[in-house]
Amino acid sequence: MSVEPAEEAQRSTHDSGTPLVTTLAAAATYFSIAPGVRLNVRSGPGTGYPIVKVLPEGSRVPIHCQTPGTWVTGPYGTTNIWDNIASGQYVSDAYVNTGSDGYIRPRCS
């Protein structure tokens, strides 16, 4: 699964009337992790998957898609939703301030 930012071409005209094409990366929304937490990032959607890195306190993460996994209790409740933050990198939604206790992104395929 690719999690590269989507890009779109925007066409406008230069002062001389010549078409000018620019590429813009789509703006990604980043969500804060719970205050005071160093968050484990796992290779899959569950606590049984290996830790691939640890996010420092104060980190913000993009959520590309979400998928069900093991149940986790954290500062934002108890959930089985796992957030895909990069290719092969998942964090429990119980530690991400999304403002919702449900899915906010499409399911990972």
C-alpha atoms as a PDB file:
ATOM      1  CA  MET A   1       0.000   0.000   0.000  1.00  0.00           C
ATOM      2  CA  SER A   2       1.358   3.398  -0.931  1.00  0.00           C
ATOM      3  CA  VAL A   3       1.009   6.195   1.584  1.00  0.00           C
ATOM      4  CA  GLU A   4       2.806   8.909  -0.345  1.00  0.00           C
ATOM      5  CA  PRO A   5       1.036  12.284  -0.264  1.00  0.00           C
ATOM      6  CA  ALA A   6      -1.363  12.796  -3.133  1.00  0.00           C
ATOM      7  CA  GLU A   7      -0.260  15.347  -5.672  1.00  0.00           C
ATOM      8  CA  GLU A   8      -2.308  17.412  -8.029  1.00  0.00           C
ATOM      9  CA  ALA A   9      -1.371  19.646 -10.912  1.00  0.00           C
ATOM     10  CA  GLN A  10      -2.621  23.192 -10.882  1.00  0.00           C
ATOM     11  CA  ARG A  11      -2.656  25.126 -14.160  1.00  0.00           C
ATOM     12  CA  SER A  12      -2.429  28.883 -14.295  1.00  0.00           C
ATOM     13  CA  THR A  13      -0.945  31.452 -16.635  1.00  0.00           C
ATOM     14  CA  HIS A  14       2.328  33.330 -16.345  1.00  0.00           C
ATOM     15  CA  ASP A  15       2.288  37.142 -16.730  1.00  0.00           C
ATOM     16  CA  SER A  16       3.237  36.662 -20.391  1.00  0.00           C
ATOM     17  CA  GLY A  17       0.135  34.516 -20.932  1.00  0.00           C
ATOM     18  CA  THR A  18       2.203  31.335 -21.169  1.00  0.00           C
ATOM     19  CA  PRO A  19       0.610  28.421 -19.278  1.00  0.00           C
ATOM     20  CA  LEU A  20       2.418  27.616 -16.051  1.00  0.00           C
ATOM     21  CA  VAL A  21       1.986  24.199 -14.437  1.00  0.00           C
ATOM     22  CA  THR A  22       2.883  23.640 -10.800  1.00  0.00           C
ATOM     23  CA  THR A  23       2.606  20.542  -8.660  1.00  0.00           C
ATOM     24  CA  LEU A  24       1.211  20.872  -5.165  1.00  0.00           C
ATOM     25  CA  ALA A  25       1.307  18.220  -2.467  1.00  0.00           C
ATOM     26  CA  ALA A  26      -2.100  17.759  -0.894  1.00  0.00           C
ATOM     27  CA  ALA A  27      -2.190  19.138   2.607  1.00  0.00           C
ATOM     28  CA  ALA A  28      -2.210  16.315   5.143  1.00  0.00           C
ATOM     29  CA  THR A  29      -3.986  16.676   8.474  1.00  0.00           C
ATOM     30  CA  TYR A  30      -1.823  15.837  11.481  1.00  0.00           C
ATOM     31  CA  PHE A  31      -3.218  14.690  14.825  1.00  0.00           C
ATOM     32  CA  SER A  32      -1.570  15.097  18.237  1.00  0.00           C
ATOM     33  CA  ILE A  33      -0.663  12.080  20.317  1.00  0.00           C
ATOM     34  CA  ALA A  34      -1.623  12.133  23.999  1.00  0.00           C
ATOM     35  CA  PRO A  35       0.404  14.553  26.153  1.00  0.00           C
ATOM     36  CA  GLY A  36       3.325  13.028  28.021  1.00  0.00           C
ATOM     37  CA  VAL A  37       3.292   9.853  25.906  1.00  0.00           C
ATOM     38  CA  ARG A  38       6.172   8.278  24.008  1.00  0.00           C
ATOM     39  CA  LEU A  39       4.138   6.208  21.553  1.00  0.00           C
ATOM     40  CA  ASN A  40       5.164   2.815  20.183  1.00  0.00           C
ATOM     41  CA  VAL A  41       4.805   2.515  16.415  1.00  0.00           C
ATOM     42  CA  ARG A  42       4.223  -1.074  15.330  1.00  0.00           C
ATOM     43  CA  SER A  43       4.602  -2.912  12.033  1.00  0.00           C
ATOM     44  CA  GLY A  44       0.942  -3.994  12.106  1.00  0.00           C
ATOM     45  CA  PRO A  45      -2.369  -3.216  13.802  1.00  0.00           C
ATOM     46  CA  GLY A  46      -1.833  -4.843  17.164  1.00  0.00           C
ATOM     47  CA  THR A  47       0.330  -5.156  20.247  1.00  0.00           C
ATOM     48  CA  GLY A  48       1.676  -8.484  18.978  1.00  0.00           C
ATOM     49  CA  TYR A  49       3.486  -6.775  16.096  1.00  0.00           C
ATOM     50  CA  PRO A  50       7.100  -5.629  16.522  1.00  0.00           C
ATOM     51  CA  ILE A  51       7.839  -2.036  17.541  1.00  0.00           C
ATOM     52  CA  VAL A  52       9.497  -0.277  14.590  1.00  0.00           C
ATOM     53  CA  LYS A  53      10.108   3.056  16.359  1.00  0.00           C
ATOM     54  CA  VAL A  54       8.958   5.202  19.268  1.00  0.00           C
ATOM     55  CA  LEU A  55       7.453   8.648  18.729  1.00  0.00           C
ATOM     56  CA  PRO A  56       8.654  11.320  21.167  1.00  0.00           C
ATOM     57  CA  GLU A  57       6.310  13.293  23.411  1.00  0.00           C
ATOM     58  CA  GLY A  58       4.469  16.045  21.554  1.00  0.00           C
ATOM     59  CA  SER A  59       4.470  14.244  18.202  1.00  0.00           C
ATOM     60  CA  ARG A  60       1.795  14.768  15.575  1.00  0.00           C
ATOM     61  CA  VAL A  61       0.901  12.063  13.067  1.00  0.00           C
ATOM     62  CA  PRO A  62      -0.946  11.847   9.753  1.00  0.00           C
ATOM     63  CA  ILE A  63      -3.580   9.131   9.457  1.00  0.00           C
ATOM     64  CA  HIS A  64      -3.679   7.605   5.979  1.00  0.00           C
ATOM     65  CA  CYS A  65      -6.206   4.883   6.765  1.00  0.00           C
ATOM     66  CA  GLN A  66      -7.529   2.944   9.762  1.00  0.00           C
ATOM     67  CA  THR A  67      -8.026  -0.753  10.458  1.00  0.00           C
ATOM     68  CA  PRO A  68      -9.292  -2.959  13.277  1.00  0.00           C
ATOM     69  CA  GLY A  69      -6.733  -4.751  15.439  1.00  0.00           C
ATOM     70  CA  THR A  70      -6.151  -5.640  19.068  1.00  0.00           C
ATOM     71  CA  TRP A  71      -8.047  -3.731  21.752  1.00  0.00           C
ATOM     72  CA  VAL A  72      -6.069  -1.045  23.595  1.00  0.00           C
ATOM     73  CA  THR A  73      -6.999   1.280  26.462  1.00  0.00           C
ATOM     74  CA  GLY A  74      -5.336   4.691  26.460  1.00  0.00           C
ATOM     75  CA  PRO A  75      -5.960   8.356  27.277  1.00  0.00           C
ATOM     76  CA  TYR A  76      -8.650   8.626  24.585  1.00  0.00           C
ATOM     77  CA  GLY A  77     -10.598   5.512  25.557  1.00  0.00           C
ATOM     78  CA  THR A  78     -10.649   1.825  24.704  1.00  0.00           C
ATOM     79  CA  THR A  79     -10.613   0.928  21.020  1.00  0.00           C
ATOM     80  CA  ASN A  80      -9.532  -1.649  18.484  1.00  0.00           C
ATOM     81  CA  ILE A  81      -8.911   1.023  15.818  1.00  0.00           C
ATOM     82  CA  TRP A  82      -5.318   1.303  14.597  1.00  0.00           C
ATOM     83  CA  ASP A  83      -4.080   4.272  12.570  1.00  0.00           C
ATOM     84  CA  ASN A  84      -1.741   3.766   9.620  1.00  0.00           C
ATOM     85  CA  ILE A  85       0.738   6.667   9.813  1.00  0.00           C
ATOM     86  CA  ALA A  86       3.182   5.465   7.119  1.00  0.00           C
ATOM     87  CA  SER A  87       3.871   2.326   5.125  1.00  0.00           C
ATOM     88  CA  GLY A  88       4.102  -0.542   7.628  1.00  0.00           C
ATOM     89  CA  GLN A  89       3.637   1.790  10.631  1.00  0.00           C
ATOM     90  CA  TYR A  90       0.611   1.677  12.947  1.00  0.00           C
ATOM     91  CA  VAL A  91      -0.348   3.328  16.241  1.00  0.00           C
ATOM     92  CA  SER A  92      -3.348   2.665  18.469  1.00  0.00           C
ATOM     93  CA  ASP A  93      -6.087   5.251  18.035  1.00  0.00           C
ATOM     94  CA  ALA A  94      -6.474   5.214  21.846  1.00  0.00           C
ATOM     95  CA  TYR A  95      -3.383   7.466  21.954  1.00  0.00           C
ATOM     96  CA  VAL A  96      -4.259   9.825  19.070  1.00  0.00           C
ATOM     97  CA  ASN A  97      -6.481  12.881  19.568  1.00  0.00           C
ATOM     98  CA  THR A  98      -8.789  12.560  16.559  1.00  0.00           C
ATOM     99  CA  GLY A  99     -11.828  14.080  18.266  1.00  0.00           C
ATOM    100  CA  SER A 100     -13.824  10.912  17.575  1.00  0.00           C
ATOM    101  CA  ASP A 101     -14.223   7.457  19.071  1.00  0.00           C
ATOM    102  CA  GLY A 102     -14.881   5.976  15.616  1.00  0.00           C
ATOM    103  CA  TYR A 103     -13.295   5.829  12.198  1.00  0.00           C
ATOM    104  CA  ILE A 104     -12.294   9.177  10.676  1.00  0.00           C
ATOM    105  CA  ARG A 105     -10.419   7.818   7.648  1.00  0.00           C
ATOM    106  CA  PRO A 106     -11.140   5.046   5.141  1.00  0.00           C
ATOM    107  CA  ARG A 107     -10.396   1.462   6.149  1.00  0.00           C
ATOM    108  CA  CYS A 108      -6.966   0.236   5.088  1.00  0.00           C
ATOM    109  CA  SER A 109      -7.163  -2.190   2.175  1.00  0.00           C
END
